[in-house]
Amino acid sequence: MELTAALLSRRTTNGAFLPRPVSREHQRVLMSVAAAAPSHFNSQPWRYVLVEDRRTIEAVADISGRSMTALIEQGVFFERYRRYFRFSHAEMEERRDGIFIDHLPGPLRPFTRQVFSDAGLKLMRQLGVPAKLGEDNRKLVAGSPLLMAALLDRAEYRPGELSGFYSVFGLGASVGNVWNTVASLGMGIQFVSTPMELPDRWRELGELLRVPPELELMAVYRLGYVPPEERRPSIDWSSRHRKRPSQYVFREDCTHPETD
């Protein structure tokens, strides 16, 4: 029952972490639960890089911040993810997916629904929002005491083959174990996703981490201890809604949705 409660209360940390280092004991716990995940034929294709060196973290933060600025400035971010944005409680209650944009900088609040439109993007450029968001993102990553890079062994990870699926499935289970354990340690975790959106920045990050040819860099996360009161970023959202059973569960075949 404790495990079930932990799974149902899982969170992603959008705000800053406390500055103190993550203890080696807690790092070992996280790597132990990562290793406990299921994998095809017990292949355990995952590899992890734990980063505490401040120079490396600052460099990753710089790449992440520049990526965020470029994505917002070019409109790529909004074009790619616009279908997930929700702007009211009623919309979230009906759809029960996506993210509810409920926290915006003061000048943008009167234009909440239009802020991610083409006209809204023009206004954000005029107000310097892309650079502000990029700097916010840089600070969040730079202030993280621990980064965790997740990689796959190319001997197992072969895209286009079943082994590719099995490897990604296994890594997802492994990272999921970490994600569902951090709260019990007083910690939080967040995906450092913006460099992945730009191939040049992702290659830059791989070079920084000295990823060898036999490994594939799949994702980077920031981790740390969560302060009692979290300060929200300039643009933030809530994503606690989950689809009702009738929206994602079927009985016997795909023509009989589960009842709520």
Protein backbone atom coordinates (compact mmCIF):
# COMPACT_ATOMS: atom_id res chain seq x y z
CA MET A 1 0.00 0.00 0.00
CA GLU A 2 2.88 2.40 0.68
CA LEU A 3 4.24 1.77 -2.81
CA THR A 4 0.82 2.38 -4.37
CA ALA A 5 0.48 5.67 -2.50
CA ALA A 6 3.96 6.72 -3.67
CA LEU A 7 3.11 5.93 -7.30
CA LEU A 8 -0.14 7.89 -7.14
CA SER A 9 1.56 10.91 -5.55
CA ARG A 10 4.45 11.11 -8.03
CA ARG A 11 5.47 14.65 -8.97
CA THR A 12 7.79 16.45 -11.37
CA THR A 13 9.76 19.30 -9.79
CA ASN A 14 9.57 22.45 -11.93
CA GLY A 15 11.19 24.73 -9.36
CA ALA A 16 14.63 25.09 -7.80
CA PHE A 17 16.30 22.55 -5.53
CA LEU A 18 18.10 23.14 -2.27
CA PRO A 19 21.82 23.83 -2.84
CA ARG A 20 23.13 20.98 -0.69
CA PRO A 21 24.70 17.95 -2.44
CA VAL A 22 22.77 14.73 -2.88
CA SER A 23 24.30 12.22 -0.48
CA ARG A 24 26.19 9.26 -1.94
CA GLU A 25 23.89 7.00 0.06
CA HIS A 26 20.85 8.40 -1.74
CA GLN A 27 22.63 8.20 -5.09
CA ARG A 28 23.31 4.51 -4.43
CA VAL A 29 19.65 3.96 -3.55
CA LEU A 30 18.56 5.54 -6.82
CA MET A 31 21.00 3.48 -8.88
CA SER A 32 19.91 0.33 -7.04
CA VAL A 33 16.24 0.86 -7.89
CA ALA A 34 17.25 1.75 -11.47
CA ALA A 35 19.02 -1.61 -11.75
CA ALA A 36 15.99 -3.46 -10.32
CA ALA A 37 13.84 -2.66 -13.37
CA PRO A 38 12.77 -5.44 -15.77
CA SER A 39 14.55 -5.82 -19.12
CA HIS A 40 14.32 -8.24 -22.04
CA PHE A 41 16.30 -11.41 -21.23
CA ASN A 42 17.73 -9.44 -18.27
CA SER A 43 19.85 -7.53 -20.79
CA GLN A 44 19.98 -4.42 -18.54
CA PRO A 45 20.83 -2.13 -21.49
CA TRP A 46 20.80 1.08 -19.44
CA ARG A 47 23.85 3.07 -18.43
CA TYR A 48 23.92 6.14 -16.20
CA VAL A 49 26.26 9.07 -15.71
CA LEU A 50 25.92 10.93 -12.40
CA VAL A 51 27.29 14.47 -12.60
CA GLU A 52 28.20 16.57 -9.56
CA ASP A 53 31.07 18.63 -10.98
CA ARG A 54 29.99 22.26 -10.98
CA ARG A 55 31.77 23.11 -14.23
CA THR A 56 29.96 20.34 -16.08
CA ILE A 57 26.60 21.25 -14.56
CA GLU A 58 27.12 24.90 -15.53
CA ALA A 59 27.99 23.84 -19.09
CA VAL A 60 24.88 21.65 -19.34
CA ALA A 61 22.84 24.55 -17.94
CA ASP A 62 24.23 26.88 -20.60
CA ILE A 63 23.30 24.43 -23.37
CA SER A 64 19.83 23.99 -21.89
CA GLY A 65 19.24 27.73 -21.50
CA ARG A 66 20.36 28.51 -25.04
CA SER A 67 18.14 25.72 -26.32
CA MET A 68 15.10 27.11 -24.49
CA THR A 69 15.71 30.62 -25.84
CA ALA A 70 16.02 29.33 -29.42
CA LEU A 71 12.93 27.13 -29.15
CA ILE A 72 10.76 29.99 -27.86
CA GLU A 73 12.23 32.59 -30.21
CA GLN A 74 11.69 30.41 -33.28
CA GLY A 75 8.22 29.31 -32.19
CA VAL A 76 9.26 25.66 -32.49
CA PHE A 77 8.24 24.80 -28.94
CA PHE A 78 4.70 26.13 -29.29
CA GLU A 79 4.18 24.67 -32.74
CA ARG A 80 5.29 21.24 -31.60
CA TYR A 81 3.40 21.10 -28.31
CA ARG A 82 0.46 23.46 -28.74
CA ARG A 83 -2.05 20.59 -28.76
CA TYR A 84 -1.15 19.80 -25.14
CA PHE A 85 -1.80 23.30 -23.74
CA ARG A 86 -4.91 23.86 -21.62
CA PHE A 87 -6.07 27.25 -20.38
CA SER A 88 -8.95 26.60 -17.97
CA HIS A 89 -10.05 24.19 -15.27
CA ALA A 90 -13.06 23.26 -17.42
CA GLU A 91 -10.82 22.32 -20.35
CA MET A 92 -8.61 20.20 -18.10
CA GLU A 93 -11.64 18.51 -16.56
CA GLU A 94 -13.00 17.60 -19.98
CA ARG A 95 -9.75 16.44 -21.62
CA ARG A 96 -7.90 15.25 -18.51
CA ASP A 97 -4.56 15.36 -20.30
CA GLY A 98 -1.99 17.97 -21.32
CA ILE A 99 -0.81 20.81 -19.09
CA PHE A 100 -2.83 23.62 -17.51
CA ILE A 101 -0.97 26.91 -18.04
CA ASP A 102 -1.86 28.61 -14.76
CA HIS A 103 1.23 30.75 -14.07
CA LEU A 104 2.44 33.48 -16.41
CA PRO A 105 4.51 36.70 -16.11
CA GLY A 106 2.36 39.73 -15.30
CA PRO A 107 2.46 41.38 -18.76
CA LEU A 108 1.23 38.18 -20.41
CA ARG A 109 -1.63 37.29 -18.05
CA PRO A 110 -4.29 39.35 -19.91
CA PHE A 111 -3.39 37.35 -23.03
CA THR A 112 -3.35 33.88 -21.47
CA ARG A 113 -5.23 32.07 -24.23
CA GLN A 114 -3.50 33.99 -27.03
CA VAL A 115 0.01 33.80 -25.58
CA PHE A 116 0.96 30.72 -27.60
CA SER A 117 -0.56 31.96 -30.86
CA ASP A 118 1.48 33.61 -33.62
CA ALA A 119 0.41 37.04 -32.34
CA GLY A 120 1.29 36.01 -28.80
CA LEU A 121 4.72 34.85 -29.93
CA LYS A 122 5.34 38.25 -31.52
CA LEU A 123 4.39 39.95 -28.24
CA MET A 124 6.67 37.64 -26.26
CA ARG A 125 9.57 38.51 -28.55
CA GLN A 126 8.91 42.21 -28.02
CA LEU A 127 8.84 41.71 -24.24
CA GLY A 128 12.06 39.67 -24.27
CA VAL A 129 10.31 36.55 -22.97
CA PRO A 130 12.45 34.01 -24.91
CA ALA A 131 15.66 35.30 -23.30
CA LYS A 132 13.96 35.44 -19.88
CA LEU A 133 12.73 31.86 -20.16
CA GLY A 134 16.14 30.73 -21.38
CA GLU A 135 17.81 32.34 -18.39
CA ASP A 136 15.24 30.83 -16.01
CA ASN A 137 15.94 27.42 -17.52
CA ARG A 138 19.69 27.93 -17.24
CA LYS A 139 19.40 28.89 -13.57
CA LEU A 140 17.22 25.87 -12.77
CA VAL A 141 19.73 23.44 -14.26
CA ALA A 142 22.76 25.30 -12.91
CA GLY A 143 21.27 25.23 -9.41
CA SER A 144 20.84 21.47 -9.46
CA PRO A 145 23.28 19.55 -7.23
CA LEU A 146 23.04 16.40 -9.36
CA LEU A 147 22.46 15.58 -13.02
CA MET A 148 21.67 12.09 -14.24
CA ALA A 149 22.29 11.16 -17.86
CA ALA A 150 20.53 8.00 -19.09
CA LEU A 151 22.11 6.06 -21.95
CA LEU A 152 21.59 2.81 -23.83
CA ASP A 153 24.09 0.21 -24.94
CA ARG A 154 24.09 0.22 -28.76
CA ALA A 155 24.70 -3.53 -28.76
CA GLU A 156 21.12 -3.83 -27.49
CA TYR A 157 19.62 -0.56 -28.71
CA ARG A 158 19.09 -1.08 -32.45
CA PRO A 159 16.31 1.24 -33.70
CA GLY A 160 14.00 -0.40 -36.20
CA GLU A 161 14.47 -3.83 -34.63
CA LEU A 162 12.63 -5.39 -31.71
CA SER A 163 15.76 -4.93 -29.62
CA GLY A 164 15.31 -1.19 -30.04
CA PHE A 165 11.83 -1.35 -28.53
CA TYR A 166 12.92 -3.70 -25.75
CA SER A 167 15.81 -1.41 -24.84
CA VAL A 168 13.69 1.74 -24.70
CA PHE A 169 11.04 -0.14 -22.72
CA GLY A 170 13.67 -1.29 -20.22
CA LEU A 171 15.20 2.17 -19.86
CA GLY A 172 11.74 3.63 -19.30
CA ALA A 173 11.12 1.14 -16.50
CA SER A 174 14.53 1.88 -15.00
CA VAL A 175 14.07 5.66 -15.02
CA GLY A 176 10.52 5.17 -13.76
CA ASN A 177 11.89 3.38 -10.71
CA VAL A 178 14.14 6.36 -10.01
CA TRP A 179 11.30 8.83 -10.56
CA ASN A 180 9.03 6.98 -8.16
CA THR A 181 11.71 6.73 -5.47
CA VAL A 182 13.00 10.30 -5.22
CA ALA A 183 10.09 11.57 -3.11
CA SER A 184 10.81 9.04 -0.35
CA LEU A 185 14.30 10.58 -0.11
CA GLY A 186 12.99 14.15 0.11
CA MET A 187 14.10 14.74 -3.47
CA GLY A 188 12.64 15.83 -6.79
CA ILE A 189 13.46 15.21 -10.43
CA GLN A 190 12.87 16.95 -13.75
CA PHE A 191 13.61 16.12 -17.37
CA VAL A 192 16.20 18.46 -18.97
CA SER A 193 14.45 18.23 -22.32
CA THR A 194 15.22 21.40 -24.26
CA PRO A 195 18.61 20.31 -25.71
CA MET A 196 16.92 17.22 -27.19
CA GLU A 197 14.74 19.47 -29.33
CA LEU A 198 17.77 20.80 -31.24
CA PRO A 199 20.14 18.19 -32.76
CA ASP A 200 23.21 20.45 -32.64
CA ARG A 201 22.70 21.18 -28.94
CA TRP A 202 22.16 17.47 -28.20
CA ARG A 203 25.43 16.59 -29.93
CA GLU A 204 27.11 19.32 -27.91
CA LEU A 205 25.80 17.78 -24.71
CA GLY A 206 26.98 14.32 -25.76
CA GLU A 207 30.46 15.65 -26.43
CA LEU A 208 30.49 17.37 -23.04
CA LEU A 209 29.65 14.05 -21.33
CA ARG A 210 32.20 12.20 -23.51
CA VAL A 211 29.65 9.65 -24.67
CA PRO A 212 31.54 6.87 -26.52
CA PRO A 213 30.37 5.44 -29.90
CA GLU A 214 29.06 2.26 -28.26
CA LEU A 215 26.53 4.21 -26.15
CA GLU A 216 23.53 6.35 -27.11
CA LEU A 217 22.62 9.34 -24.94
CA MET A 218 18.86 9.14 -24.40
CA ALA A 219 17.95 11.67 -21.72
CA VAL A 220 19.26 13.98 -18.99
CA TYR A 221 17.55 14.73 -15.67
CA ARG A 222 18.23 17.16 -12.85
CA LEU A 223 17.82 16.01 -9.26
CA GLY A 224 18.09 17.48 -5.79
CA TYR A 225 16.40 17.98 -2.46
CA VAL A 226 13.10 19.84 -2.57
CA PRO A 227 12.69 22.98 -0.42
CA PRO A 228 9.65 23.23 1.89
CA GLU A 229 8.16 25.96 -0.29
CA GLU A 230 8.82 25.79 -4.02
CA ARG A 231 9.11 28.99 -6.08
CA ARG A 232 7.42 28.62 -9.44
CA PRO A 233 9.17 29.49 -12.75
CA SER A 234 8.02 32.48 -14.85
CA ILE A 235 5.82 30.27 -17.00
CA ASP A 236 4.56 27.19 -15.19
CA TRP A 237 1.75 24.69 -15.34
CA SER A 238 -0.14 21.96 -13.52
CA SER A 239 -0.50 18.46 -14.94
CA ARG A 240 -2.13 16.43 -12.17
CA HIS A 241 -5.22 15.37 -14.13
CA ARG A 242 -5.34 11.82 -15.45
CA LYS A 243 -7.70 10.32 -18.00
CA ARG A 244 -10.74 8.47 -16.73
CA PRO A 245 -10.73 4.65 -17.20
CA SER A 246 -13.28 4.99 -20.01
CA GLN A 247 -10.75 7.09 -21.93
CA TYR A 248 -7.88 4.60 -21.93
CA VAL A 249 -9.06 1.13 -20.76
CA PHE A 250 -11.00 -1.43 -22.82
CA ARG A 251 -12.55 -4.80 -21.92
CA GLU A 252 -11.95 -7.88 -24.07
CA ASP A 253 -11.33 -5.90 -27.26
CA CYS A 254 -10.94 -2.31 -28.46
CA THR A 255 -14.68 -1.82 -29.02
CA HIS A 256 -15.70 -2.01 -25.35
CA PRO A 257 -14.46 0.92 -23.24
CA GLU A 258 -14.21 0.41 -19.51
CA THR A 259 -16.90 2.11 -17.47
CA ASP A 260 -16.00 4.84 -15.00
